[in-house]
C-alpha cells in the first residue's frame, strides 16, 4: 500500500487513509477468465482531502 499512498500524496492529497477490503468471489469471477484473479487484485477504500490553496 506504500506505493499507492505515495501516488495519492504526489497528486496533492493530505490526511490519507487506506482501508483494505476483501474482493468478493462474485466480483472476482466477473474478471477471472480462469486466472484465480483474487491473487492479483485488491479492494481498497481511499479517504483523503486536497487542501485549498491557502493551506497548501
Protein backbone atom coordinates (compact mmCIF):
# COMPACT_ATOMS: atom_id res chain seq x y z
CA UNK A 1 0.00 0.00 0.00
CA UNK A 2 3.01 2.30 0.39
CA UNK A 3 3.27 2.90 -3.35
CA UNK A 4 -0.44 3.71 -3.63
CA UNK A 5 -0.18 6.23 -0.79
CA UNK A 6 2.85 7.86 -2.46
CA UNK A 7 0.91 8.24 -5.72
CA UNK A 8 -2.02 9.85 -3.92
CA UNK A 9 0.28 12.19 -1.96
CA UNK A 10 2.06 13.23 -5.17
CA UNK A 11 -1.34 14.28 -6.53
CA UNK A 12 -1.57 16.75 -3.62
CA UNK A 13 -3.83 14.88 -1.19
CA UNK A 14 -3.35 15.02 2.60
CA UNK A 15 -4.63 13.04 5.58
CA UNK A 16 -4.81 9.87 3.52
CA UNK A 17 -6.33 6.72 4.96
CA UNK A 18 -6.24 3.45 3.01
CA UNK A 19 -8.64 0.75 4.19
CA UNK A 20 -8.04 -2.65 2.56
CA UNK A 21 -11.10 -4.71 1.79
CA UNK A 22 -11.87 -8.17 0.55
CA UNK A 23 -12.60 -8.86 -3.11
CA UNK A 24 -15.84 -10.81 -3.24
CA UNK A 25 -15.99 -14.13 -5.07
CA UNK A 26 -18.76 -12.71 -7.26
CA UNK A 27 -16.59 -9.77 -8.35
CA UNK A 28 -13.51 -11.95 -8.87
CA UNK A 29 -15.46 -14.39 -11.08
CA UNK A 30 -16.58 -11.47 -13.24
CA UNK A 31 -12.91 -10.80 -14.17
CA UNK A 32 -11.37 -14.23 -13.57
CA UNK A 33 -11.04 -15.82 -17.03
CA UNK A 34 -9.56 -18.89 -15.29
CA UNK A 35 -6.70 -16.94 -13.68
CA UNK A 36 -7.70 -17.07 -9.97
CA UNK A 37 -7.73 -13.27 -10.11
CA UNK A 38 -8.15 -12.85 -6.33
CA UNK A 39 -4.39 -13.43 -6.07
CA UNK A 40 -3.72 -10.34 -8.20
CA UNK A 41 -6.26 -7.67 -7.22
CA UNK A 42 -7.07 -5.75 -4.03
CA UNK A 43 -10.07 -3.75 -2.96
CA UNK A 44 -9.22 -0.54 -1.10
CA UNK A 45 -11.28 2.36 0.19
CA UNK A 46 -9.33 5.60 -0.12
CA UNK A 47 -10.06 8.59 2.11
CA UNK A 48 -8.17 11.84 1.79
CA UNK A 49 -8.53 15.51 1.26
CA UNK A 50 -7.00 18.02 -1.08
CA UNK A 51 -6.08 21.20 0.80
CA UNK A 52 -7.15 24.55 -0.54
CA UNK A 53 -4.56 26.98 -1.90
CA UNK A 54 -4.16 28.79 1.43
CA UNK A 55 -3.40 25.56 3.26
CA UNK A 56 -1.03 24.07 0.67
